[in-house]
Amino acid sequence: AVWKGYYLCGPRAALQVPIMGKHTRRITCGAWNSENLLAMGGDDNALTVTTGNDGATVKTITLKFEPTE
């Protein structure tokens, strides 16, 4: 995955997922799964799950601590 402005390029070169507004602080980790979902964790102690097709937020979870991986 590669960061380009407010988009994250997915595992397929043609895929660009908008990530603007998903986190209030720096995004520190992320991973794609086989179902084309993107999980991102950040300094705001949040974990978001986003669809790879249109960038829609599926779920946001508040964590007790900052995610590390």
C-alpha atoms as a PDB file:
ATOM      1  CA  ALA A   1       0.000   0.000   0.000  1.00  0.00           C
ATOM      2  CA  VAL A   2       1.221   3.477  -0.828  1.00  0.00           C
ATOM      3  CA  TRP A   3       0.066   6.818   0.612  1.00  0.00           C
ATOM      4  CA  LYS A   4      -0.750   9.466  -1.989  1.00  0.00           C
ATOM      5  CA  GLY A   5      -2.279  12.569  -0.432  1.00  0.00           C
ATOM      6  CA  TYR A   6      -5.630  11.629   1.043  1.00  0.00           C
ATOM      7  CA  TYR A   7      -5.844   8.326  -0.802  1.00  0.00           C
ATOM      8  CA  LEU A   8      -4.333   4.949  -0.084  1.00  0.00           C
ATOM      9  CA  CYS A   9      -3.477   2.825  -3.105  1.00  0.00           C
ATOM     10  CA  GLY A  10      -4.601  -0.707  -2.484  1.00  0.00           C
ATOM     11  CA  PRO A  11      -3.126  -4.073  -3.334  1.00  0.00           C
ATOM     12  CA  ARG A  12      -4.288  -3.620  -6.918  1.00  0.00           C
ATOM     13  CA  ALA A  13      -2.576  -0.704  -8.671  1.00  0.00           C
ATOM     14  CA  ALA A  14      -5.836   0.761  -9.997  1.00  0.00           C
ATOM     15  CA  LEU A  15      -7.493   0.864  -6.551  1.00  0.00           C
ATOM     16  CA  GLN A  16      -7.465   4.141  -4.616  1.00  0.00           C
ATOM     17  CA  VAL A  17      -9.311   4.312  -1.289  1.00  0.00           C
ATOM     18  CA  PRO A  18     -10.217   7.737   0.172  1.00  0.00           C
ATOM     19  CA  ILE A  19      -9.084   7.938   3.802  1.00  0.00           C
ATOM     20  CA  MET A  20      -9.816  11.604   4.570  1.00  0.00           C
ATOM     21  CA  GLY A  21     -11.659  11.943   7.875  1.00  0.00           C
ATOM     22  CA  LYS A  22     -11.193   8.348   9.035  1.00  0.00           C
ATOM     23  CA  HIS A  23      -8.906   9.341  11.937  1.00  0.00           C
ATOM     24  CA  THR A  24      -8.394  12.527  13.924  1.00  0.00           C
ATOM     25  CA  ARG A  25      -4.665  11.893  14.388  1.00  0.00           C
ATOM     26  CA  ARG A  26      -1.858  10.146  12.513  1.00  0.00           C
ATOM     27  CA  ILE A  27      -2.552   6.699  11.036  1.00  0.00           C
ATOM     28  CA  THR A  28       0.195   4.366  12.246  1.00  0.00           C
ATOM     29  CA  CYS A  29      -0.695   0.941  10.856  1.00  0.00           C
ATOM     30  CA  GLY A  30      -2.943  -0.756   8.355  1.00  0.00           C
ATOM     31  CA  ALA A  31      -3.589  -4.050   6.615  1.00  0.00           C
ATOM     32  CA  TRP A  32      -5.747  -5.373   3.772  1.00  0.00           C
ATOM     33  CA  ASN A  33      -7.588  -8.680   4.026  1.00  0.00           C
ATOM     34  CA  SER A  34      -8.669 -11.122   1.316  1.00  0.00           C
ATOM     35  CA  GLU A  35     -12.201  -9.617   1.287  1.00  0.00           C
ATOM     36  CA  ASN A  36     -10.815  -6.209   0.177  1.00  0.00           C
ATOM     37  CA  LEU A  37     -11.315  -4.564   3.576  1.00  0.00           C
ATOM     38  CA  LEU A  38      -8.728  -2.178   4.993  1.00  0.00           C
ATOM     39  CA  ALA A  39      -8.130  -1.989   8.760  1.00  0.00           C
ATOM     40  CA  MET A  40      -6.269   1.123   9.975  1.00  0.00           C
ATOM     41  CA  GLY A  41      -5.095   2.060  13.463  1.00  0.00           C
ATOM     42  CA  GLY A  42      -3.948   5.469  14.620  1.00  0.00           C
ATOM     43  CA  ASP A  43      -2.614   7.721  17.359  1.00  0.00           C
ATOM     44  CA  ASP A  44      -6.244   8.610  18.156  1.00  0.00           C
ATOM     45  CA  ASN A  45      -6.674   5.126  19.726  1.00  0.00           C
ATOM     46  CA  ALA A  46      -9.126   4.175  16.986  1.00  0.00           C
ATOM     47  CA  LEU A  47      -9.327   1.198  14.668  1.00  0.00           C
ATOM     48  CA  THR A  48     -11.329   1.674  11.482  1.00  0.00           C
ATOM     49  CA  VAL A  49     -12.417  -0.914   8.939  1.00  0.00           C
ATOM     50  CA  THR A  50     -13.018   0.497   5.475  1.00  0.00           C
ATOM     51  CA  THR A  51     -14.235  -1.059   2.222  1.00  0.00           C
ATOM     52  CA  GLY A  52     -11.662  -1.142  -0.535  1.00  0.00           C
ATOM     53  CA  ASN A  53     -14.247  -0.411  -3.228  1.00  0.00           C
ATOM     54  CA  ASP A  54     -15.479   3.040  -2.202  1.00  0.00           C
ATOM     55  CA  GLY A  55     -13.773   3.863   1.117  1.00  0.00           C
ATOM     56  CA  ALA A  56     -16.978   3.564   3.161  1.00  0.00           C
ATOM     57  CA  THR A  57     -16.389   3.018   6.876  1.00  0.00           C
ATOM     58  CA  VAL A  58     -17.712  -0.386   7.967  1.00  0.00           C
ATOM     59  CA  LYS A  59     -16.782  -0.092  11.638  1.00  0.00           C
ATOM     60  CA  THR A  60     -14.901   2.181  14.053  1.00  0.00           C
ATOM     61  CA  ILE A  61     -13.650   0.823  17.359  1.00  0.00           C
ATOM     62  CA  THR A  62     -12.190   2.898  20.201  1.00  0.00           C
ATOM     63  CA  LEU A  63      -9.162   1.161  21.676  1.00  0.00           C
ATOM     64  CA  LYS A  64      -7.775   1.402  25.202  1.00  0.00           C
ATOM     65  CA  PHE A  65      -4.257   2.000  23.866  1.00  0.00           C
ATOM     66  CA  GLU A  66      -2.650   3.096  20.591  1.00  0.00           C
ATOM     67  CA  PRO A  67      -2.374   0.209  18.119  1.00  0.00           C
ATOM     68  CA  THR A  68       1.120  -0.956  17.219  1.00  0.00           C
ATOM     69  CA  GLU A  69       0.541  -3.415  14.368  1.00  0.00           C
END
